[in-house]
Structure formats: C-alpha cells, structure tokens
Amino acid sequence: MILGRVFHAVIRDPLAQVFVLVARYPAAQEDPPLAGGAGRPDGSFEVETHVFTGSATLLVIVRNDGFAEALRRVEVMAGRCLTLADVVTIRSRRR
C-alpha cells in the first residue's frame, strides 16, 4: 500500500479531487497501471499495490484537472506500507 498527500505547490493547500495511479517502473508502453484511486478532500490518498515478492520499483502518478502531472519513483518491499516522506506537489498549468 502507498500512502501520501497532495498539496498545491504554490499556496500549499491540500488538493482534493486528485487521481493517483501506480505503475511498474520501468514499464512497457502497453503495461496497464497496477492500481489507482481517488484522493480524499484533505489531499490524502491510499492506493493498494499488487501482490509481489521481494521488492518492486513503482511509479506513482498524480493527476488533477488543471494541474501538471506529478511523478514519484518509489521502492516498495512486499508486505509493507510505504508513506511518501516528501510531499507530492503539483503546479497549476500555465494558460
């Protein structure tokens, strides 16, 4: 499981309405995301990862309409919960 929180990069307020995908890294273009989920109103999210043994390198993709996509590469050990230590931030797209 991967836990985290999304904030606006400039004003530092939590961002609701985010969508988080988790994909294998590196991945072939045809590989589908492994898991996904919507963020909560307080900007937090919780995504259940697929079952694996050992450790896996995964890409966390954060999307929100009107904002640039944010990417984080993380290493997850099987059976462990990972909380992103750094705050995932995304900036507004320039118009």
Protein backbone atom coordinates (compact mmCIF):
# COMPACT_ATOMS: atom_id res chain seq x y z
CA MET A 1 0.00 0.00 0.00
CA ILE A 2 1.20 3.51 -0.82
CA LEU A 3 0.02 6.47 1.24
CA GLY A 4 0.62 10.15 0.57
CA ARG A 5 -0.78 13.65 0.50
CA VAL A 6 -1.03 16.14 -2.38
CA PHE A 7 -0.57 19.89 -1.92
CA HIS A 8 -0.71 22.87 -4.26
CA ALA A 9 2.93 23.75 -4.95
CA VAL A 10 2.47 27.50 -4.54
CA ILE A 11 -0.17 28.10 -1.88
CA ARG A 12 0.50 24.80 -0.01
CA ASP A 13 -3.20 23.96 0.46
CA PRO A 14 -4.23 20.30 0.19
CA LEU A 15 -5.62 19.36 -3.22
CA ALA A 16 -8.82 17.37 -3.35
CA GLN A 17 -10.09 15.61 -6.47
CA VAL A 18 -6.72 14.10 -7.38
CA PHE A 19 -6.42 10.71 -9.03
CA VAL A 20 -3.43 8.51 -8.23
CA LEU A 21 -2.15 5.67 -10.41
CA VAL A 22 0.60 3.19 -9.57
CA ALA A 23 2.53 1.51 -12.39
CA ARG A 24 5.51 -0.79 -12.67
CA TYR A 25 8.82 1.05 -13.36
CA PRO A 26 10.25 0.81 -15.89
CA ALA A 27 7.18 -0.31 -17.81
CA ALA A 28 6.49 -1.15 -21.39
CA GLN A 29 4.04 1.24 -23.04
CA GLU A 30 1.36 -1.44 -23.23
CA ASP A 31 1.58 -2.28 -19.48
CA PRO A 32 -1.59 -1.13 -17.69
CA PRO A 33 -1.42 0.66 -14.32
CA LEU A 34 -1.33 -1.76 -11.39
CA ALA A 35 -3.66 0.21 -9.14
CA GLY A 36 -5.44 3.52 -8.87
CA GLY A 37 -7.61 5.56 -6.57
CA ALA A 38 -9.12 8.93 -5.88
CA GLY A 39 -7.76 11.30 -3.28
CA ARG A 40 -9.72 12.49 -0.26
CA PRO A 41 -10.89 16.07 0.39
CA ASP A 42 -7.86 16.65 2.69
CA GLY A 43 -5.47 15.79 -0.17
CA SER A 44 -4.52 12.38 1.23
CA PHE A 45 -4.59 9.19 -0.80
CA GLU A 46 -4.19 5.48 -0.23
CA VAL A 47 -3.51 3.05 -3.08
CA GLU A 48 -3.33 -0.72 -2.65
CA THR A 49 -0.46 -2.17 -4.69
CA HIS A 50 -0.46 -5.54 -6.43
CA VAL A 51 0.89 -8.62 -4.67
CA PHE A 52 4.59 -9.28 -5.27
CA THR A 53 7.57 -10.86 -3.54
CA GLY A 54 10.85 -9.17 -2.61
CA SER A 55 10.76 -5.53 -3.63
CA ALA A 56 9.43 -3.59 -6.59
CA THR A 57 10.15 -0.23 -8.17
CA LEU A 58 6.89 1.57 -8.85
CA LEU A 59 5.90 4.88 -10.38
CA VAL A 60 3.28 6.95 -8.54
CA ILE A 61 1.39 9.21 -10.97
CA VAL A 62 -0.73 12.05 -9.54
CA ARG A 63 -3.25 13.77 -11.79
CA ASN A 64 -5.69 16.61 -11.27
CA ASP A 65 -7.60 18.62 -13.89
CA GLY A 66 -5.94 21.99 -14.45
CA PHE A 67 -2.60 20.88 -12.97
CA ALA A 68 0.59 19.36 -14.31
CA GLU A 69 1.06 15.65 -13.69
CA ALA A 70 3.36 14.73 -10.79
CA LEU A 71 5.55 11.60 -10.82
CA ARG A 72 7.40 9.82 -8.00
CA ARG A 73 9.53 6.70 -8.36
CA VAL A 74 9.41 4.60 -5.20
CA GLU A 75 10.85 1.31 -3.95
CA VAL A 76 8.32 -0.85 -2.10
CA MET A 77 9.04 -4.01 -0.12
CA ALA A 78 6.50 -6.84 -0.30
CA GLY A 79 4.00 -6.79 2.54
CA ARG A 80 4.99 -3.26 3.63
CA CYS A 81 3.14 0.02 3.62
CA LEU A 82 5.00 2.99 2.11
CA THR A 83 4.25 6.56 3.13
CA LEU A 84 5.77 9.11 0.80
CA ALA A 85 8.15 11.05 3.04
CA ASP A 86 8.20 14.06 0.76
CA VAL A 87 5.05 15.94 -0.07
CA VAL A 88 3.82 15.32 -3.60
CA THR A 89 3.24 18.73 -5.16
CA ILE A 90 1.82 19.71 -8.49
CA ARG A 91 1.80 23.15 -10.10
CA SER A 92 -1.02 24.84 -11.96
CA ARG A 93 -0.62 24.67 -15.73
CA ARG A 94 0.12 27.99 -17.36
CA ARG A 95 -2.57 29.15 -19.72
